[in-house]
Amino acid sequence: MPITPSQIVSVLMHEHARLVAYINIIVRDEHVAEDVLQAVAMAAIEKAGTINDSTHLHHWLRRAARLEALRVLRDSHKHALLFDAAVLDQLENEFERQAAEPVLAHKTALLECLALVEGYSRQVLDLRYRDGLTSRQIASRLNKRSDAIYRVLTRVRTTLRDCVEGRLSRVQEHPDA
């Protein structure tokens, strides 16, 4: 399912500083970097229907930022500031690696915490997120009341959130452990 314009805006807000820093390395002018990002943001929103998911969006944003920054430099005749393509590839790979690190830590923590959910709670969680059923549909399937399913999901989400946050804080406190 394609990403929505509101999801694009959310990612852009979250990644703003990182993207401006990336563009600024290429154009070497913070104001120009902001202008480039604005052009990239508009293009991303226009292409929302063709961007598959957040991973695709992150890659697309970096690639579009690079191309737009280079176009701006070419148009302004600042050829002396252009980096070699290999340097830009290396720079883009480093930004991508750094962007992926927190995602991997969160994913690992979530998978570890999900492994701790068992029994009825796990059944409800699977029906909701693996099978995509609503609370009402789960209640009907399990012959329970909707509010009971809602309470189970709320409790499990809270438990998972606390577990993930705890694991991430332990990793930050002891990164080599």
N, C-alpha and C. Protein backbone atom coordinates (compact mmCIF):
# COMPACT_ATOMS: atom_id res chain seq x y z
N MET A 1 0.84 -1.17 0.00
CA MET A 1 0.00 0.00 0.00
C MET A 1 0.89 1.24 0.00
N PRO A 2 0.66 2.17 -0.91
CA PRO A 2 1.50 3.37 -0.99
C PRO A 2 1.42 4.20 0.29
N ILE A 3 2.47 4.94 0.52
CA ILE A 3 2.55 5.81 1.68
C ILE A 3 1.67 7.04 1.44
N THR A 4 1.13 7.59 2.51
CA THR A 4 0.23 8.75 2.38
C THR A 4 1.02 10.05 2.53
N PRO A 5 0.47 11.15 2.02
CA PRO A 5 1.14 12.44 2.21
C PRO A 5 1.37 12.78 3.68
N SER A 6 0.44 12.43 4.57
CA SER A 6 0.64 12.73 5.99
C SER A 6 1.79 11.91 6.57
N GLN A 7 1.98 10.69 6.10
CA GLN A 7 3.13 9.89 6.54
C GLN A 7 4.43 10.51 6.04
N ILE A 8 4.41 11.04 4.83
CA ILE A 8 5.59 11.70 4.28
C ILE A 8 5.95 12.92 5.13
N VAL A 9 4.95 13.71 5.47
CA VAL A 9 5.19 14.90 6.30
C VAL A 9 5.76 14.49 7.65
N SER A 10 5.23 13.43 8.23
CA SER A 10 5.72 12.95 9.52
C SER A 10 7.20 12.55 9.43
N VAL A 11 7.55 11.81 8.40
CA VAL A 11 8.96 11.40 8.22
C VAL A 11 9.84 12.62 7.99
N LEU A 12 9.36 13.56 7.18
CA LEU A 12 10.14 14.77 6.91
C LEU A 12 10.38 15.57 8.18
N MET A 13 9.37 15.65 9.04
CA MET A 13 9.54 16.38 10.31
C MET A 13 10.58 15.68 11.18
N HIS A 14 10.50 14.36 11.23
CA HIS A 14 11.41 13.58 12.06
C HIS A 14 12.84 13.60 11.51
N GLU A 15 12.99 13.59 10.19
CA GLU A 15 14.30 13.50 9.55
C GLU A 15 14.84 14.84 9.07
N HIS A 16 14.14 15.93 9.39
CA HIS A 16 14.51 17.24 8.87
C HIS A 16 15.99 17.58 9.09
N ALA A 17 16.45 17.53 10.31
CA ALA A 17 17.83 17.92 10.63
C ALA A 17 18.83 17.04 9.89
N ARG A 18 18.56 15.74 9.84
CA ARG A 18 19.47 14.81 9.17
C ARG A 18 19.54 15.10 7.67
N LEU A 19 18.38 15.34 7.06
CA LEU A 19 18.35 15.61 5.62
C LEU A 19 19.02 16.94 5.28
N VAL A 20 18.76 17.97 6.09
CA VAL A 20 19.40 19.27 5.84
C VAL A 20 20.92 19.13 5.99
N ALA A 21 21.38 18.38 6.98
CA ALA A 21 22.82 18.18 7.15
C ALA A 21 23.41 17.47 5.93
N TYR A 22 22.72 16.45 5.46
CA TYR A 22 23.17 15.72 4.27
C TYR A 22 23.26 16.64 3.05
N ILE A 23 22.21 17.41 2.83
CA ILE A 23 22.18 18.33 1.68
C ILE A 23 23.23 19.42 1.85
N ASN A 24 23.39 19.92 3.07
CA ASN A 24 24.35 20.99 3.34
C ASN A 24 25.78 20.55 3.04
N ILE A 25 26.08 19.29 3.25
CA ILE A 25 27.41 18.79 2.92
C ILE A 25 27.66 18.92 1.41
N ILE A 26 26.63 18.75 0.63
CA ILE A 26 26.76 18.83 -0.82
C ILE A 26 26.78 20.29 -1.30
N VAL A 27 25.83 21.10 -0.84
CA VAL A 27 25.70 22.46 -1.36
C VAL A 27 26.52 23.49 -0.57
N ARG A 28 26.88 23.18 0.65
CA ARG A 28 27.68 24.04 1.52
C ARG A 28 27.06 25.41 1.77
N ASP A 29 25.74 25.39 1.91
CA ASP A 29 25.01 26.62 2.21
C ASP A 29 23.70 26.20 2.87
N GLU A 30 23.55 26.54 4.15
CA GLU A 30 22.40 26.08 4.91
C GLU A 30 21.07 26.56 4.33
N HIS A 31 21.04 27.79 3.83
CA HIS A 31 19.81 28.33 3.25
C HIS A 31 19.45 27.59 1.96
N VAL A 32 20.46 27.31 1.16
CA VAL A 32 20.22 26.54 -0.07
C VAL A 32 19.78 25.13 0.29
N ALA A 33 20.38 24.56 1.33
CA ALA A 33 20.01 23.21 1.77
C ALA A 33 18.53 23.16 2.17
N GLU A 34 18.07 24.18 2.88
CA GLU A 34 16.65 24.25 3.26
C GLU A 34 15.76 24.34 2.02
N ASP A 35 16.19 25.15 1.03
CA ASP A 35 15.42 25.28 -0.21
C ASP A 35 15.37 23.94 -0.95
N VAL A 36 16.49 23.25 -0.99
CA VAL A 36 16.54 21.94 -1.65
C VAL A 36 15.59 20.98 -0.94
N LEU A 37 15.62 20.96 0.37
CA LEU A 37 14.74 20.06 1.11
C LEU A 37 13.28 20.39 0.86
N GLN A 38 12.97 21.66 0.77
CA GLN A 38 11.59 22.05 0.49
C GLN A 38 11.15 21.52 -0.87
N ALA A 39 12.03 21.62 -1.87
CA ALA A 39 11.70 21.10 -3.21
C ALA A 39 11.53 19.59 -3.17
N VAL A 40 12.39 18.91 -2.43
CA VAL A 40 12.30 17.46 -2.30
C VAL A 40 11.01 17.07 -1.59
N ALA A 41 10.65 17.80 -0.55
CA ALA A 41 9.41 17.52 0.19
C ALA A 41 8.20 17.65 -0.71
N MET A 42 8.16 18.69 -1.50
CA MET A 42 7.03 18.88 -2.43
C MET A 42 6.98 17.73 -3.44
N ALA A 43 8.13 17.35 -3.96
CA ALA A 43 8.17 16.25 -4.93
C ALA A 43 7.71 14.94 -4.28
N ALA A 44 8.12 14.72 -3.04
CA ALA A 44 7.73 13.49 -2.34
C ALA A 44 6.22 13.43 -2.16
N ILE A 45 5.62 14.54 -1.77
CA ILE A 45 4.17 14.58 -1.57
C ILE A 45 3.45 14.34 -2.89
N GLU A 46 3.98 14.92 -3.97
CA GLU A 46 3.38 14.70 -5.29
C GLU A 46 3.48 13.24 -5.73
N LYS A 47 4.53 12.56 -5.31
CA LYS A 47 4.76 11.17 -5.71
C LYS A 47 4.30 10.16 -4.66
N ALA A 48 3.54 10.61 -3.70
CA ALA A 48 3.12 9.75 -2.58
C ALA A 48 2.56 8.41 -3.06
N GLY A 49 1.80 8.40 -4.11
CA GLY A 49 1.19 7.16 -4.60
C GLY A 49 2.17 6.16 -5.16
N THR A 50 3.39 6.61 -5.46
CA THR A 50 4.38 5.70 -6.04
C THR A 50 5.42 5.22 -5.03
N ILE A 51 5.35 5.74 -3.80
CA ILE A 51 6.31 5.36 -2.76
C ILE A 51 5.64 4.30 -1.88
N ASN A 52 6.24 3.12 -1.82
CA ASN A 52 5.61 1.95 -1.22
C ASN A 52 5.49 1.97 0.30
N ASP A 53 6.56 2.35 1.00
CA ASP A 53 6.56 2.28 2.46
C ASP A 53 7.63 3.23 3.00
N SER A 54 7.81 3.25 4.32
CA SER A 54 8.75 4.19 4.91
C SER A 54 10.20 3.89 4.53
N THR A 55 10.55 2.63 4.36
CA THR A 55 11.91 2.29 3.93
C THR A 55 12.17 2.85 2.54
N HIS A 56 11.23 2.64 1.65
CA HIS A 56 11.33 3.18 0.29
C HIS A 56 11.38 4.71 0.35
N LEU A 57 10.56 5.32 1.21
CA LEU A 57 10.54 6.77 1.34
C LEU A 57 11.90 7.30 1.79
N HIS A 58 12.50 6.70 2.81
CA HIS A 58 13.80 7.18 3.30
C HIS A 58 14.84 7.13 2.19
N HIS A 59 14.87 6.02 1.47
CA HIS A 59 15.83 5.88 0.36
C HIS A 59 15.52 6.92 -0.71
N TRP A 60 14.25 7.08 -1.05
CA TRP A 60 13.84 8.02 -2.08
C TRP A 60 14.23 9.45 -1.68
N LEU A 61 14.00 9.82 -0.43
CA LEU A 61 14.33 11.17 0.03
C LEU A 61 15.82 11.46 -0.10
N ARG A 62 16.66 10.51 0.31
CA ARG A 62 18.11 10.74 0.20
C ARG A 62 18.53 10.86 -1.25
N ARG A 63 18.01 9.99 -2.09
CA ARG A 63 18.36 10.02 -3.52
C ARG A 63 17.87 11.33 -4.15
N ALA A 64 16.64 11.71 -3.87
CA ALA A 64 16.08 12.94 -4.44
C ALA A 64 16.84 14.17 -3.92
N ALA A 65 17.20 14.16 -2.64
CA ALA A 65 17.95 15.27 -2.06
C ALA A 65 19.31 15.41 -2.76
N ARG A 66 19.95 14.31 -2.98
CA ARG A 66 21.25 14.32 -3.67
C ARG A 66 21.10 14.89 -5.07
N LEU A 67 20.14 14.37 -5.83
CA LEU A 67 19.96 14.82 -7.21
C LEU A 67 19.57 16.29 -7.28
N GLU A 68 18.67 16.72 -6.38
CA GLU A 68 18.24 18.12 -6.38
C GLU A 68 19.39 19.03 -5.96
N ALA A 69 20.18 18.63 -4.98
CA ALA A 69 21.33 19.44 -4.56
C ALA A 69 22.33 19.59 -5.70
N LEU A 70 22.60 18.51 -6.41
CA LEU A 70 23.51 18.58 -7.55
C LEU A 70 22.95 19.46 -8.67
N ARG A 71 21.64 19.37 -8.89
CA ARG A 71 21.01 20.20 -9.92
C ARG A 71 21.15 21.68 -9.56
N VAL A 72 20.91 22.00 -8.28
CA VAL A 72 21.04 23.38 -7.82
C VAL A 72 22.47 23.87 -8.01
N LEU A 73 23.43 23.04 -7.67
CA LEU A 73 24.83 23.44 -7.85
C LEU A 73 25.16 23.66 -9.33
N ARG A 74 24.69 22.76 -10.18
CA ARG A 74 24.94 22.91 -11.62
C ARG A 74 24.32 24.19 -12.14
N ASP A 75 23.08 24.45 -11.73
CA ASP A 75 22.38 25.64 -12.20
C ASP A 75 23.03 26.93 -11.69
N SER A 76 23.67 26.87 -10.54
CA SER A 76 24.32 28.06 -9.98
C SER A 76 25.77 28.16 -10.44
N HIS A 77 26.21 27.23 -11.26
CA HIS A 77 27.57 27.22 -11.83
C HIS A 77 28.65 27.13 -10.75
N LYS A 78 28.37 26.40 -9.70
CA LYS A 78 29.36 26.18 -8.64
C LYS A 78 29.99 24.81 -8.81
N HIS A 79 30.49 24.54 -9.99
CA HIS A 79 31.06 23.22 -10.30
C HIS A 79 32.26 22.88 -9.41
N ALA A 80 32.97 23.87 -8.95
CA ALA A 80 34.16 23.60 -8.14
C ALA A 80 33.80 22.90 -6.83
N LEU A 81 32.56 23.04 -6.38
CA LEU A 81 32.15 22.44 -5.12
C LEU A 81 31.60 21.03 -5.28
N LEU A 82 31.45 20.54 -6.51
CA LEU A 82 30.86 19.22 -6.72
C LEU A 82 31.78 18.12 -6.23
N PHE A 83 31.20 17.17 -5.50
CA PHE A 83 31.93 16.00 -5.05
C PHE A 83 31.94 14.95 -6.15
N ASP A 84 32.90 14.08 -6.10
CA ASP A 84 32.94 12.93 -6.97
C ASP A 84 31.76 12.02 -6.63
N ALA A 85 31.21 11.32 -7.61
CA ALA A 85 30.05 10.45 -7.39
C ALA A 85 30.34 9.39 -6.32
N ALA A 86 31.56 8.87 -6.29
CA ALA A 86 31.91 7.85 -5.30
C ALA A 86 31.85 8.42 -3.88
N VAL A 87 32.26 9.66 -3.72
CA VAL A 87 32.20 10.30 -2.40
C VAL A 87 30.75 10.49 -1.99
N LEU A 88 29.91 10.92 -2.93
CA LEU A 88 28.49 11.08 -2.62
C LEU A 88 27.83 9.74 -2.29
N ASP A 89 28.22 8.68 -3.00
CA ASP A 89 27.69 7.34 -2.69
C ASP A 89 28.07 6.94 -1.27
N GLN A 90 29.32 7.18 -0.92
CA GLN A 90 29.79 6.83 0.41
C GLN A 90 29.06 7.65 1.47
N LEU A 91 28.87 8.92 1.20
CA LEU A 91 28.14 9.80 2.12
C LEU A 91 26.70 9.32 2.29
N GLU A 92 26.05 8.99 1.19
CA GLU A 92 24.67 8.51 1.26
C GLU A 92 24.58 7.20 2.03
N ASN A 93 25.52 6.29 1.80
CA ASN A 93 25.53 5.01 2.53
C ASN A 93 25.71 5.22 4.03
N GLU A 94 26.56 6.18 4.41
CA GLU A 94 26.78 6.45 5.83
C GLU A 94 25.52 7.03 6.47
N PHE A 95 24.85 7.95 5.79
CA PHE A 95 23.60 8.49 6.31
C PHE A 95 22.55 7.39 6.43
N GLU A 96 22.50 6.50 5.47
CA GLU A 96 21.53 5.40 5.52
C GLU A 96 21.84 4.45 6.67
N ARG A 97 23.12 4.15 6.88
CA ARG A 97 23.52 3.26 7.97
C ARG A 97 23.15 3.88 9.32
N GLN A 98 23.44 5.17 9.48
CA GLN A 98 23.13 5.84 10.74
C GLN A 98 21.62 5.91 10.98
N ALA A 99 20.87 6.11 9.93
CA ALA A 99 19.41 6.18 10.06
C ALA A 99 18.84 4.83 10.44
N ALA A 100 19.47 3.74 9.99
CA ALA A 100 18.95 2.39 10.25
C ALA A 100 19.26 1.90 11.65
N GLU A 101 20.31 2.38 12.28
CA GLU A 101 20.72 1.87 13.58
C GLU A 101 19.61 1.93 14.64
N PRO A 102 18.95 3.07 14.84
CA PRO A 102 17.88 3.10 15.85
C PRO A 102 16.73 2.17 15.49
N VAL A 103 16.42 2.07 14.20
CA VAL A 103 15.33 1.20 13.76
C VAL A 103 15.66 -0.25 14.10
N LEU A 104 16.90 -0.66 13.86
CA LEU A 104 17.29 -2.03 14.17
C LEU A 104 17.23 -2.31 15.66
N ALA A 105 17.66 -1.36 16.46
CA ALA A 105 17.62 -1.54 17.92
C ALA A 105 16.17 -1.67 18.40
N HIS A 106 15.28 -0.81 17.88
CA HIS A 106 13.87 -0.88 18.26
C HIS A 106 13.25 -2.20 17.80
N LYS A 107 13.57 -2.61 16.59
CA LYS A 107 13.00 -3.84 16.06
C LYS A 107 13.46 -5.04 16.88
N THR A 108 14.74 -5.08 17.21
CA THR A 108 15.27 -6.18 18.02
C THR A 108 14.59 -6.21 19.38
N ALA A 109 14.49 -5.05 20.02
CA ALA A 109 13.85 -4.98 21.33
C ALA A 109 12.39 -5.42 21.25
N LEU A 110 11.69 -4.97 20.22
CA LEU A 110 10.28 -5.35 20.07
C LEU A 110 10.13 -6.85 19.86
N LEU A 111 10.98 -7.44 19.03
CA LEU A 111 10.90 -8.89 18.81
C LEU A 111 11.18 -9.67 20.09
N GLU A 112 12.15 -9.20 20.87
CA GLU A 112 12.44 -9.85 22.15
C GLU A 112 11.26 -9.75 23.10
N CYS A 113 10.64 -8.59 23.13
CA CYS A 113 9.50 -8.38 24.03
C CYS A 113 8.27 -9.16 23.55
N LEU A 114 8.06 -9.20 22.24
CA LEU A 114 6.93 -9.98 21.70
C LEU A 114 7.05 -11.45 22.06
N ALA A 115 8.27 -11.96 22.12
CA ALA A 115 8.48 -13.36 22.47
C ALA A 115 8.01 -13.67 23.89
N LEU A 116 7.88 -12.64 24.71
CA LEU A 116 7.44 -12.84 26.09
C LEU A 116 5.93 -12.86 26.23
N VAL A 117 5.20 -12.44 25.20
CA VAL A 117 3.74 -12.40 25.26
C VAL A 117 3.21 -13.79 24.92
N GLU A 118 2.41 -14.37 25.83
CA GLU A 118 1.92 -15.74 25.65
C GLU A 118 0.43 -15.83 25.90
N GLY A 119 -0.10 -17.01 25.62
CA GLY A 119 -1.48 -17.34 25.96
C GLY A 119 -2.51 -16.49 25.26
N TYR A 120 -3.54 -16.15 26.02
CA TYR A 120 -4.67 -15.40 25.51
C TYR A 120 -4.24 -14.04 24.95
N SER A 121 -3.33 -13.37 25.67
CA SER A 121 -2.84 -12.07 25.22
C SER A 121 -2.17 -12.19 23.85
N ARG A 122 -1.40 -13.25 23.66
CA ARG A 122 -0.73 -13.47 22.37
C ARG A 122 -1.76 -13.75 21.28
N GLN A 123 -2.77 -14.52 21.61
CA GLN A 123 -3.81 -14.82 20.63
C GLN A 123 -4.51 -13.54 20.18
N VAL A 124 -4.87 -12.68 21.12
CA VAL A 124 -5.54 -11.42 20.79
C VAL A 124 -4.60 -10.53 19.97
N LEU A 125 -3.35 -10.45 20.37
CA LEU A 125 -2.36 -9.63 19.66
C LEU A 125 -2.19 -10.12 18.22
N ASP A 126 -2.08 -11.42 18.04
CA ASP A 126 -1.94 -11.99 16.69
C ASP A 126 -3.17 -11.70 15.83
N LEU A 127 -4.35 -11.86 16.42
CA LEU A 127 -5.57 -11.59 15.66
C LEU A 127 -5.63 -10.12 15.23
N ARG A 128 -5.18 -9.24 16.11
CA ARG A 128 -5.23 -7.81 15.80
C ARG A 128 -4.18 -7.42 14.76
N TYR A 129 -2.92 -7.80 14.97
CA TYR A 129 -1.84 -7.28 14.14
C TYR A 129 -1.37 -8.23 13.03
N ARG A 130 -1.45 -9.50 13.25
CA ARG A 130 -1.08 -10.44 12.18
C ARG A 130 -2.23 -10.60 11.20
N ASP A 131 -3.46 -10.75 11.74
CA ASP A 131 -4.62 -10.99 10.89
C ASP A 131 -5.38 -9.72 10.53
N GLY A 132 -5.06 -8.61 11.21
CA GLY A 132 -5.66 -7.32 10.88
C GLY A 132 -7.11 -7.16 11.29
N LEU A 133 -7.55 -7.92 12.28
CA LEU A 133 -8.94 -7.81 12.73
C LEU A 133 -9.12 -6.63 13.68
N THR A 134 -10.31 -6.07 13.68
CA THR A 134 -10.64 -5.00 14.64
C THR A 134 -10.97 -5.63 15.99
N SER A 135 -11.05 -4.81 17.01
CA SER A 135 -11.42 -5.31 18.34
C SER A 135 -12.79 -5.98 18.30
N ARG A 136 -13.70 -5.39 17.58
CA ARG A 136 -15.06 -5.94 17.46
C ARG A 136 -15.02 -7.32 16.78
N GLN A 137 -14.23 -7.45 15.73
CA GLN A 137 -14.12 -8.74 15.02
C GLN A 137 -13.47 -9.80 15.92
N ILE A 138 -12.46 -9.39 16.67
CA ILE A 138 -11.80 -10.33 17.59
C ILE A 138 -12.79 -10.78 18.66
N ALA A 139 -13.54 -9.85 19.20
CA ALA A 139 -14.53 -10.18 20.23
C ALA A 139 -15.54 -11.18 19.69
N SER A 140 -15.99 -10.96 18.49
CA SER A 140 -16.95 -11.88 17.87
C SER A 140 -16.33 -13.26 17.69
N ARG A 141 -15.12 -13.31 17.21
CA ARG A 141 -14.44 -14.58 16.96
C ARG A 141 -14.20 -15.35 18.26
N LEU A 142 -13.84 -14.63 19.32
CA LEU A 142 -13.52 -15.29 20.59
C LEU A 142 -14.70 -15.35 21.55
N ASN A 143 -15.85 -14.87 21.07
CA ASN A 143 -17.05 -14.86 21.89
C ASN A 143 -16.82 -14.09 23.20
N LYS A 144 -16.24 -12.89 23.06
CA LYS A 144 -15.96 -12.00 24.19
C LYS A 144 -16.59 -10.65 23.91
N ARG A 145 -16.60 -9.78 24.89
CA ARG A 145 -17.10 -8.42 24.70
C ARG A 145 -15.99 -7.55 24.10
N SER A 146 -16.36 -6.59 23.29
CA SER A 146 -15.39 -5.68 22.65
C SER A 146 -14.54 -4.94 23.67
N ASP A 147 -15.18 -4.48 24.76
CA ASP A 147 -14.41 -3.73 25.76
C ASP A 147 -13.36 -4.61 26.44
N ALA A 148 -13.63 -5.90 26.56
CA ALA A 148 -12.64 -6.82 27.15
C ALA A 148 -11.43 -6.96 26.21
N ILE A 149 -11.69 -7.04 24.92
CA ILE A 149 -10.61 -7.14 23.94
C ILE A 149 -9.80 -5.85 23.93
N TYR A 150 -10.50 -4.73 24.00
CA TYR A 150 -9.84 -3.44 24.03
C TYR A 150 -8.91 -3.35 25.24
N ARG A 151 -9.37 -3.81 26.40
CA ARG A 151 -8.53 -3.77 27.62
C ARG A 151 -7.31 -4.67 27.47
N VAL A 152 -7.49 -5.84 26.89
CA VAL A 152 -6.34 -6.75 26.68
C VAL A 152 -5.32 -6.08 25.77
N LEU A 153 -5.79 -5.51 24.66
CA LEU A 153 -4.86 -4.87 23.73
C LEU A 153 -4.15 -3.68 24.38
N THR A 154 -4.88 -2.90 25.15
CA THR A 154 -4.28 -1.76 25.84
C THR A 154 -3.20 -2.23 26.81
N ARG A 155 -3.52 -3.27 27.58
CA ARG A 155 -2.55 -3.80 28.54
C ARG A 155 -1.31 -4.35 27.83
N VAL A 156 -1.51 -5.09 26.74
CA VAL A 156 -0.37 -5.67 26.02
C VAL A 156 0.48 -4.57 25.38
N ARG A 157 -0.16 -3.58 24.79
CA ARG A 157 0.60 -2.47 24.19
C ARG A 157 1.44 -1.75 25.24
N THR A 158 0.84 -1.50 26.41
CA THR A 158 1.57 -0.83 27.48
C THR A 158 2.74 -1.68 27.95
N THR A 159 2.51 -2.96 28.10
CA THR A 159 3.57 -3.88 28.52
C THR A 159 4.69 -3.91 27.49
N LEU A 160 4.32 -3.98 26.22
CA LEU A 160 5.34 -4.00 25.14
C LEU A 160 6.12 -2.69 25.12
N ARG A 161 5.41 -1.57 25.23
CA ARG A 161 6.09 -0.27 25.24
C ARG A 161 7.10 -0.19 26.37
N ASP A 162 6.68 -0.58 27.58
CA ASP A 162 7.56 -0.53 28.74
C ASP A 162 8.76 -1.47 28.56
N CYS A 163 8.50 -2.65 28.02
CA CYS A 163 9.56 -3.62 27.79
C CYS A 163 10.58 -3.08 26.78
N VAL A 164 10.09 -2.56 25.66
CA VAL A 164 10.98 -2.02 24.63
C VAL A 164 11.79 -0.86 25.17
N GLU A 165 11.13 0.08 25.86
CA GLU A 165 11.84 1.22 26.43
C GLU A 165 12.91 0.77 27.43
N GLY A 166 12.58 -0.22 28.24
CA GLY A 166 13.54 -0.75 29.20
C GLY A 166 14.74 -1.37 28.53
N ARG A 167 14.49 -2.16 27.49
CA ARG A 167 15.61 -2.79 26.77
C ARG A 167 16.47 -1.74 26.07
N LEU A 168 15.85 -0.76 25.47
CA LEU A 168 16.61 0.28 24.78
C LEU A 168 17.43 1.11 25.76
N SER A 169 16.88 1.41 26.92
CA SER A 169 17.64 2.20 27.90
C SER A 169 18.82 1.38 28.43
N ARG A 170 18.64 0.07 28.59
CA ARG A 170 19.77 -0.78 29.02
C ARG A 170 20.85 -0.82 27.95
N VAL A 171 20.45 -0.86 26.69
CA VAL A 171 21.44 -0.87 25.59
C VAL A 171 22.20 0.45 25.57
N GLN A 172 21.49 1.58 25.78
CA GLN A 172 22.15 2.87 25.78
C GLN A 172 23.11 3.02 26.96
N GLU A 173 22.72 2.46 28.12
CA GLU A 173 23.57 2.53 29.31
C GLU A 173 24.79 1.63 29.19
N HIS A 174 24.62 0.47 28.55
CA HIS A 174 25.69 -0.52 28.41
C HIS A 174 25.76 -0.99 26.96
N PRO A 175 26.26 -0.15 26.04
CA PRO A 175 26.22 -0.49 24.62
C PRO A 175 27.03 -1.73 24.24
N ASP A 176 28.03 -2.08 25.02
CA ASP A 176 28.86 -3.24 24.69
C ASP A 176 28.40 -4.52 25.36
N ALA A 177 27.33 -4.43 26.15
CA ALA A 177 26.85 -5.61 26.89
C ALA A 177 26.13 -6.56 25.99
